[in-house]
Amino acid sequence: MGNIDGFDDLLKAAQKRLKTAKTRVTIRRKRDVLYLRATLPPKPGSGHVRPHRYELPTSCLLVKMG
């Protein structure tokens, strides 16, 4: 997972802003897909009774233009 034209630097800056704002959400990168990670109330019918950590894929794909 190389740095796609400085994207990793932008991602670190966004993470820092989220942390400063004390949100409980992080942005993660797995290969070329961005995920939002947060602890949320359980999904209806999931069987969990307490909040659970979810990793939700976004529709954002990292594509090197050029």
PDB file of N, CA and C in Angstrom:
ATOM      1  N   MET A   1       0.850  -1.182   0.000  1.00  0.00           N
ATOM      2  CA  MET A   1       0.000   0.000   0.000  1.00  0.00           C
ATOM      3  C   MET A   1       0.889   1.235   0.000  1.00  0.00           C
ATOM      4  N   GLY A   2       1.241   1.675  -1.152  1.00  0.00           N
ATOM      5  CA  GLY A   2       2.077   2.858  -1.230  1.00  0.00           C
ATOM      6  C   GLY A   2       1.273   4.124  -1.041  1.00  0.00           C
ATOM      7  N   ASN A   3       1.998   5.183  -0.865  1.00  0.00           N
ATOM      8  CA  ASN A   3       1.376   6.494  -0.715  1.00  0.00           C
ATOM      9  C   ASN A   3       0.908   6.965  -2.086  1.00  0.00           C
ATOM     10  N   ILE A   4      -0.373   7.083  -2.290  1.00  0.00           N
ATOM     11  CA  ILE A   4      -0.927   7.500  -3.570  1.00  0.00           C
ATOM     12  C   ILE A   4      -0.930   9.020  -3.617  1.00  0.00           C
ATOM     13  N   ASP A   5       0.122   9.583  -4.233  1.00  0.00           N
ATOM     14  CA  ASP A   5       0.246  11.033  -4.416  1.00  0.00           C
ATOM     15  C   ASP A   5      -0.114  11.833  -3.166  1.00  0.00           C
ATOM     16  N   GLY A   6       0.449  11.472  -2.034  1.00  0.00           N
ATOM     17  CA  GLY A   6       0.241  12.237  -0.811  1.00  0.00           C
ATOM     18  C   GLY A   6      -1.059  11.936  -0.089  1.00  0.00           C
ATOM     19  N   PHE A   7      -1.797  10.929  -0.540  1.00  0.00           N
ATOM     20  CA  PHE A   7      -3.087  10.648   0.087  1.00  0.00           C
ATOM     21  C   PHE A   7      -2.928  10.250   1.547  1.00  0.00           C
ATOM     22  N   ASP A   8      -1.903   9.469   1.846  1.00  0.00           N
ATOM     23  CA  ASP A   8      -1.714   9.038   3.236  1.00  0.00           C
ATOM     24  C   ASP A   8      -1.510  10.231   4.164  1.00  0.00           C
ATOM     25  N   ASP A   9      -0.856  11.279   3.664  1.00  0.00           N
ATOM     26  CA  ASP A   9      -0.685  12.488   4.471  1.00  0.00           C
ATOM     27  C   ASP A   9      -2.035  13.167   4.719  1.00  0.00           C
ATOM     28  N   LEU A  10      -2.879  13.208   3.693  1.00  0.00           N
ATOM     29  CA  LEU A  10      -4.222  13.782   3.850  1.00  0.00           C
ATOM     30  C   LEU A  10      -5.052  12.962   4.834  1.00  0.00           C
ATOM     31  N   LEU A  11      -4.907  11.644   4.763  1.00  0.00           N
ATOM     32  CA  LEU A  11      -5.647  10.765   5.664  1.00  0.00           C
ATOM     33  C   LEU A  11      -5.213  10.986   7.113  1.00  0.00           C
ATOM     34  N   LYS A  12      -3.914  11.129   7.336  1.00  0.00           N
ATOM     35  CA  LYS A  12      -3.418  11.390   8.695  1.00  0.00           C
ATOM     36  C   LYS A  12      -3.941  12.722   9.225  1.00  0.00           C
ATOM     37  N   ALA A  13      -4.001  13.728   8.354  1.00  0.00           N
ATOM     38  CA  ALA A  13      -4.525  15.036   8.766  1.00  0.00           C
ATOM     39  C   ALA A  13      -6.007  14.933   9.122  1.00  0.00           C
ATOM     40  N   ALA A  14      -6.755  14.173   8.343  1.00  0.00           N
ATOM     41  CA  ALA A  14      -8.182  13.988   8.630  1.00  0.00           C
ATOM     42  C   ALA A  14      -8.363  13.251   9.952  1.00  0.00           C
ATOM     43  N   GLN A  15      -7.532  12.230  10.199  1.00  0.00           N
ATOM     44  CA  GLN A  15      -7.597  11.489  11.460  1.00  0.00           C
ATOM     45  C   GLN A  15      -7.335  12.424  12.642  1.00  0.00           C
ATOM     46  N   LYS A  16      -6.366  13.304  12.469  1.00  0.00           N
ATOM     47  CA  LYS A  16      -6.026  14.242  13.545  1.00  0.00           C
ATOM     48  C   LYS A  16      -7.196  15.179  13.829  1.00  0.00           C
ATOM     49  N   ARG A  17      -7.862  15.663  12.764  1.00  0.00           N
ATOM     50  CA  ARG A  17      -9.023  16.544  12.957  1.00  0.00           C
ATOM     51  C   ARG A  17     -10.160  15.804  13.650  1.00  0.00           C
ATOM     52  N   LEU A  18     -10.389  14.550  13.285  1.00  0.00           N
ATOM     53  CA  LEU A  18     -11.438  13.764  13.944  1.00  0.00           C
ATOM     54  C   LEU A  18     -11.118  13.579  15.425  1.00  0.00           C
ATOM     55  N   LYS A  19      -9.860  13.298  15.726  1.00  0.00           N
ATOM     56  CA  LYS A  19      -9.457  13.097  17.120  1.00  0.00           C
ATOM     57  C   LYS A  19      -9.578  14.391  17.914  1.00  0.00           C
ATOM     58  N   THR A  20      -9.168  15.512  17.317  1.00  0.00           N
ATOM     59  CA  THR A  20      -9.260  16.812  17.981  1.00  0.00           C
ATOM     60  C   THR A  20     -10.712  17.171  18.282  1.00  0.00           C
ATOM     61  N   ALA A  21     -11.609  16.825  17.358  1.00  0.00           N
ATOM     62  CA  ALA A  21     -13.032  17.106  17.537  1.00  0.00           C
ATOM     63  C   ALA A  21     -13.692  16.098  18.485  1.00  0.00           C
ATOM     64  N   LYS A  22     -12.899  15.135  18.950  1.00  0.00           N
ATOM     65  CA  LYS A  22     -13.366  14.104  19.880  1.00  0.00           C
ATOM     66  C   LYS A  22     -14.520  13.282  19.325  1.00  0.00           C
ATOM     67  N   THR A  23     -14.494  13.063  18.019  1.00  0.00           N
ATOM     68  CA  THR A  23     -15.449  12.123  17.441  1.00  0.00           C
ATOM     69  C   THR A  23     -14.921  10.736  17.744  1.00  0.00           C
ATOM     70  N   ARG A  24     -15.763   9.783  17.719  1.00  0.00           N
ATOM     71  CA  ARG A  24     -15.323   8.424  17.999  1.00  0.00           C
ATOM     72  C   ARG A  24     -15.343   7.608  16.713  1.00  0.00           C
ATOM     73  N   VAL A  25     -14.929   8.281  15.649  1.00  0.00           N
ATOM     74  CA  VAL A  25     -14.895   7.667  14.324  1.00  0.00           C
ATOM     75  C   VAL A  25     -13.478   7.789  13.783  1.00  0.00           C
ATOM     76  N   THR A  26     -13.013   6.740  13.131  1.00  0.00           N
ATOM     77  CA  THR A  26     -11.731   6.808  12.447  1.00  0.00           C
ATOM     78  C   THR A  26     -11.933   6.402  10.996  1.00  0.00           C
ATOM     79  N   ILE A  27     -11.018   6.841  10.157  1.00  0.00           N
ATOM     80  CA  ILE A  27     -11.028   6.461   8.751  1.00  0.00           C
ATOM     81  C   ILE A  27      -9.862   5.506   8.558  1.00  0.00           C
ATOM     82  N   ARG A  28     -10.151   4.356   7.959  1.00  0.00           N
ATOM     83  CA  ARG A  28      -9.098   3.374   7.720  1.00  0.00           C
ATOM     84  C   ARG A  28      -9.006   3.096   6.236  1.00  0.00           C
ATOM     85  N   ARG A  29      -7.833   2.737   5.816  1.00  0.00           N
ATOM     86  CA  ARG A  29      -7.617   2.380   4.416  1.00  0.00           C
ATOM     87  C   ARG A  29      -7.197   0.922   4.350  1.00  0.00           C
ATOM     88  N   LYS A  30      -7.917   0.155   3.560  1.00  0.00           N
ATOM     89  CA  LYS A  30      -7.535  -1.227   3.286  1.00  0.00           C
ATOM     90  C   LYS A  30      -7.418  -1.347   1.779  1.00  0.00           C
ATOM     91  N   ARG A  31      -6.220  -1.558   1.343  1.00  0.00           N
ATOM     92  CA  ARG A  31      -5.899  -1.560  -0.087  1.00  0.00           C
ATOM     93  C   ARG A  31      -6.381  -0.263  -0.713  1.00  0.00           C
ATOM     94  N   ASP A  32      -7.385  -0.315  -1.567  1.00  0.00           N
ATOM     95  CA  ASP A  32      -7.847   0.883  -2.265  1.00  0.00           C
ATOM     96  C   ASP A  32      -9.249   1.306  -1.842  1.00  0.00           C
ATOM     97  N   VAL A  33      -9.682   0.897  -0.658  1.00  0.00           N
ATOM     98  CA  VAL A  33     -11.025   1.233  -0.171  1.00  0.00           C
ATOM     99  C   VAL A  33     -10.905   1.923   1.183  1.00  0.00           C
ATOM    100  N   LEU A  34     -11.723   2.940   1.401  1.00  0.00           N
ATOM    101  CA  LEU A  34     -11.764   3.629   2.690  1.00  0.00           C
ATOM    102  C   LEU A  34     -12.902   3.070   3.528  1.00  0.00           C
ATOM    103  N   TYR A  35     -12.647   2.904   4.824  1.00  0.00           N
ATOM    104  CA  TYR A  35     -13.637   2.396   5.768  1.00  0.00           C
ATOM    105  C   TYR A  35     -13.782   3.387   6.912  1.00  0.00           C
ATOM    106  N   LEU A  36     -14.992   3.522   7.419  1.00  0.00           N
ATOM    107  CA  LEU A  36     -15.236   4.277   8.642  1.00  0.00           C
ATOM    108  C   LEU A  36     -15.351   3.263   9.764  1.00  0.00           C
ATOM    109  N   ARG A  37     -14.645   3.497  10.859  1.00  0.00           N
ATOM    110  CA  ARG A  37     -14.668   2.574  11.989  1.00  0.00           C
ATOM    111  C   ARG A  37     -15.192   3.320  13.203  1.00  0.00           C
ATOM    112  N   ALA A  38     -16.201   2.734  13.850  1.00  0.00           N
ATOM    113  CA  ALA A  38     -16.810   3.383  15.011  1.00  0.00           C
ATOM    114  C   ALA A  38     -17.492   2.339  15.880  1.00  0.00           C
ATOM    115  N   THR A  39     -17.686   2.696  17.138  1.00  0.00           N
ATOM    116  CA  THR A  39     -18.470   1.866  18.039  1.00  0.00           C
ATOM    117  C   THR A  39     -19.886   2.420  18.023  1.00  0.00           C
ATOM    118  N   LEU A  40     -20.821   1.570  17.615  1.00  0.00           N
ATOM    119  CA  LEU A  40     -22.205   1.985  17.409  1.00  0.00           C
ATOM    120  C   LEU A  40     -23.154   1.075  18.171  1.00  0.00           C
ATOM    121  N   PRO A  41     -24.402   1.524  18.362  1.00  0.00           N
ATOM    122  CA  PRO A  41     -25.396   0.639  18.968  1.00  0.00           C
ATOM    123  C   PRO A  41     -25.559  -0.610  18.101  1.00  0.00           C
ATOM    124  N   PRO A  42     -25.963  -1.721  18.704  1.00  0.00           N
ATOM    125  CA  PRO A  42     -26.088  -2.954  17.926  1.00  0.00           C
ATOM    126  C   PRO A  42     -27.155  -2.851  16.837  1.00  0.00           C
ATOM    127  N   LYS A  43     -26.909  -3.554  15.740  1.00  0.00           N
ATOM    128  CA  LYS A  43     -27.896  -3.625  14.667  1.00  0.00           C
ATOM    129  C   LYS A  43     -29.092  -4.424  15.175  1.00  0.00           C
ATOM    130  N   PRO A  44     -30.301  -4.056  14.756  1.00  0.00           N
ATOM    131  CA  PRO A  44     -31.473  -4.844  15.163  1.00  0.00           C
ATOM    132  C   PRO A  44     -31.320  -6.297  14.700  1.00  0.00           C
ATOM    133  N   GLY A  45     -31.562  -7.212  15.604  1.00  0.00           N
ATOM    134  CA  GLY A  45     -31.495  -8.631  15.277  1.00  0.00           C
ATOM    135  C   GLY A  45     -30.085  -9.205  15.222  1.00  0.00           C
ATOM    136  N   SER A  46     -29.074  -8.442  15.629  1.00  0.00           N
ATOM    137  CA  SER A  46     -27.694  -8.929  15.530  1.00  0.00           C
ATOM    138  C   SER A  46     -27.316  -9.853  16.686  1.00  0.00           C
ATOM    139  N   GLY A  47     -28.071  -9.798  17.770  1.00  0.00           N
ATOM    140  CA  GLY A  47     -27.739 -10.615  18.927  1.00  0.00           C
ATOM    141  C   GLY A  47     -26.825  -9.913  19.917  1.00  0.00           C
ATOM    142  N   HIS A  48     -26.242  -8.799  19.528  1.00  0.00           N
ATOM    143  CA  HIS A  48     -25.415  -8.026  20.457  1.00  0.00           C
ATOM    144  C   HIS A  48     -26.328  -7.211  21.375  1.00  0.00           C
ATOM    145  N   VAL A  49     -25.921  -7.092  22.625  1.00  0.00           N
ATOM    146  CA  VAL A  49     -26.722  -6.300  23.560  1.00  0.00           C
ATOM    147  C   VAL A  49     -26.040  -4.980  23.913  1.00  0.00           C
ATOM    148  N   ARG A  50     -24.736  -4.917  23.715  1.00  0.00           N
ATOM    149  CA  ARG A  50     -23.985  -3.696  23.993  1.00  0.00           C
ATOM    150  C   ARG A  50     -23.483  -3.106  22.677  1.00  0.00           C
ATOM    151  N   PRO A  51     -23.039  -1.859  22.703  1.00  0.00           N
ATOM    152  CA  PRO A  51     -22.462  -1.283  21.484  1.00  0.00           C
ATOM    153  C   PRO A  51     -21.327  -2.158  20.952  1.00  0.00           C
ATOM    154  N   HIS A  52     -21.191  -2.163  19.655  1.00  0.00           N
ATOM    155  CA  HIS A  52     -20.245  -3.039  18.983  1.00  0.00           C
ATOM    156  C   HIS A  52     -19.432  -2.218  17.988  1.00  0.00           C
ATOM    157  N   ARG A  53     -18.181  -2.582  17.769  1.00  0.00           N
ATOM    158  CA  ARG A  53     -17.331  -1.865  16.814  1.00  0.00           C
ATOM    159  C   ARG A  53     -17.640  -2.357  15.404  1.00  0.00           C
ATOM    160  N   TYR A  54     -17.963  -1.419  14.554  1.00  0.00           N
ATOM    161  CA  TYR A  54     -18.273  -1.723  13.159  1.00  0.00           C
ATOM    162  C   TYR A  54     -17.271  -1.037  12.252  1.00  0.00           C
ATOM    163  N   GLU A  55     -16.979  -1.667  11.142  1.00  0.00           N
ATOM    164  CA  GLU A  55     -16.139  -1.092  10.107  1.00  0.00           C
ATOM    165  C   GLU A  55     -16.983  -1.060   8.836  1.00  0.00           C
ATOM    166  N   LEU A  56     -17.370   0.141   8.448  1.00  0.00           N
ATOM    167  CA  LEU A  56     -18.292   0.311   7.332  1.00  0.00           C
ATOM    168  C   LEU A  56     -17.542   0.781   6.092  1.00  0.00           C
ATOM    169  N   PRO A  57     -17.649   0.030   4.984  1.00  0.00           N
ATOM    170  CA  PRO A  57     -16.966   0.473   3.766  1.00  0.00           C
ATOM    171  C   PRO A  57     -17.661   1.690   3.174  1.00  0.00           C
ATOM    172  N   THR A  58     -16.875   2.589   2.628  1.00  0.00           N
ATOM    173  CA  THR A  58     -17.441   3.732   1.919  1.00  0.00           C
ATOM    174  C   THR A  58     -17.435   3.395   0.432  1.00  0.00           C
ATOM    175  N   SER A  59     -18.038   4.231  -0.340  1.00  0.00           N
ATOM    176  CA  SER A  59     -18.017   4.006  -1.788  1.00  0.00           C
ATOM    177  C   SER A  59     -16.820   4.713  -2.418  1.00  0.00           C
ATOM    178  N   CYS A  60     -15.888   5.159  -1.580  1.00  0.00           N
ATOM    179  CA  CYS A  60     -14.709   5.880  -2.074  1.00  0.00           C
ATOM    180  C   CYS A  60     -13.592   4.890  -2.397  1.00  0.00           C
ATOM    181  N   LEU A  61     -13.174   4.879  -3.642  1.00  0.00           N
ATOM    182  CA  LEU A  61     -12.052   4.050  -4.060  1.00  0.00           C
ATOM    183  C   LEU A  61     -10.857   4.948  -4.346  1.00  0.00           C
ATOM    184  N   LEU A  62      -9.683   4.473  -3.986  1.00  0.00           N
ATOM    185  CA  LEU A  62      -8.461   5.224  -4.261  1.00  0.00           C
ATOM    186  C   LEU A  62      -7.947   4.804  -5.628  1.00  0.00           C
ATOM    187  N   VAL A  63      -7.906   5.745  -6.536  1.00  0.00           N
ATOM    188  CA  VAL A  63      -7.433   5.465  -7.888  1.00  0.00           C
ATOM    189  C   VAL A  63      -6.382   6.502  -8.236  1.00  0.00           C
ATOM    190  N   LYS A  64      -5.244   6.034  -8.661  1.00  0.00           N
ATOM    191  CA  LYS A  64      -4.180   6.966  -9.047  1.00  0.00           C
ATOM    192  C   LYS A  64      -4.485   7.499 -10.443  1.00  0.00           C
ATOM    193  N   MET A  65      -4.635   8.806 -10.517  1.00  0.00           N
ATOM    194  CA  MET A  65      -4.909   9.447 -11.800  1.00  0.00           C
ATOM    195  C   MET A  65      -3.577   9.832 -12.437  1.00  0.00           C
ATOM    196  N   GLY A  66      -3.493   9.711 -13.719  1.00  0.00           N
ATOM    197  CA  GLY A  66      -2.280  10.210 -14.300  1.00  0.00           C
ATOM    198  C   GLY A  66      -1.891   9.507 -15.506  1.00  0.00           C
TER     199      GLY A  66
END
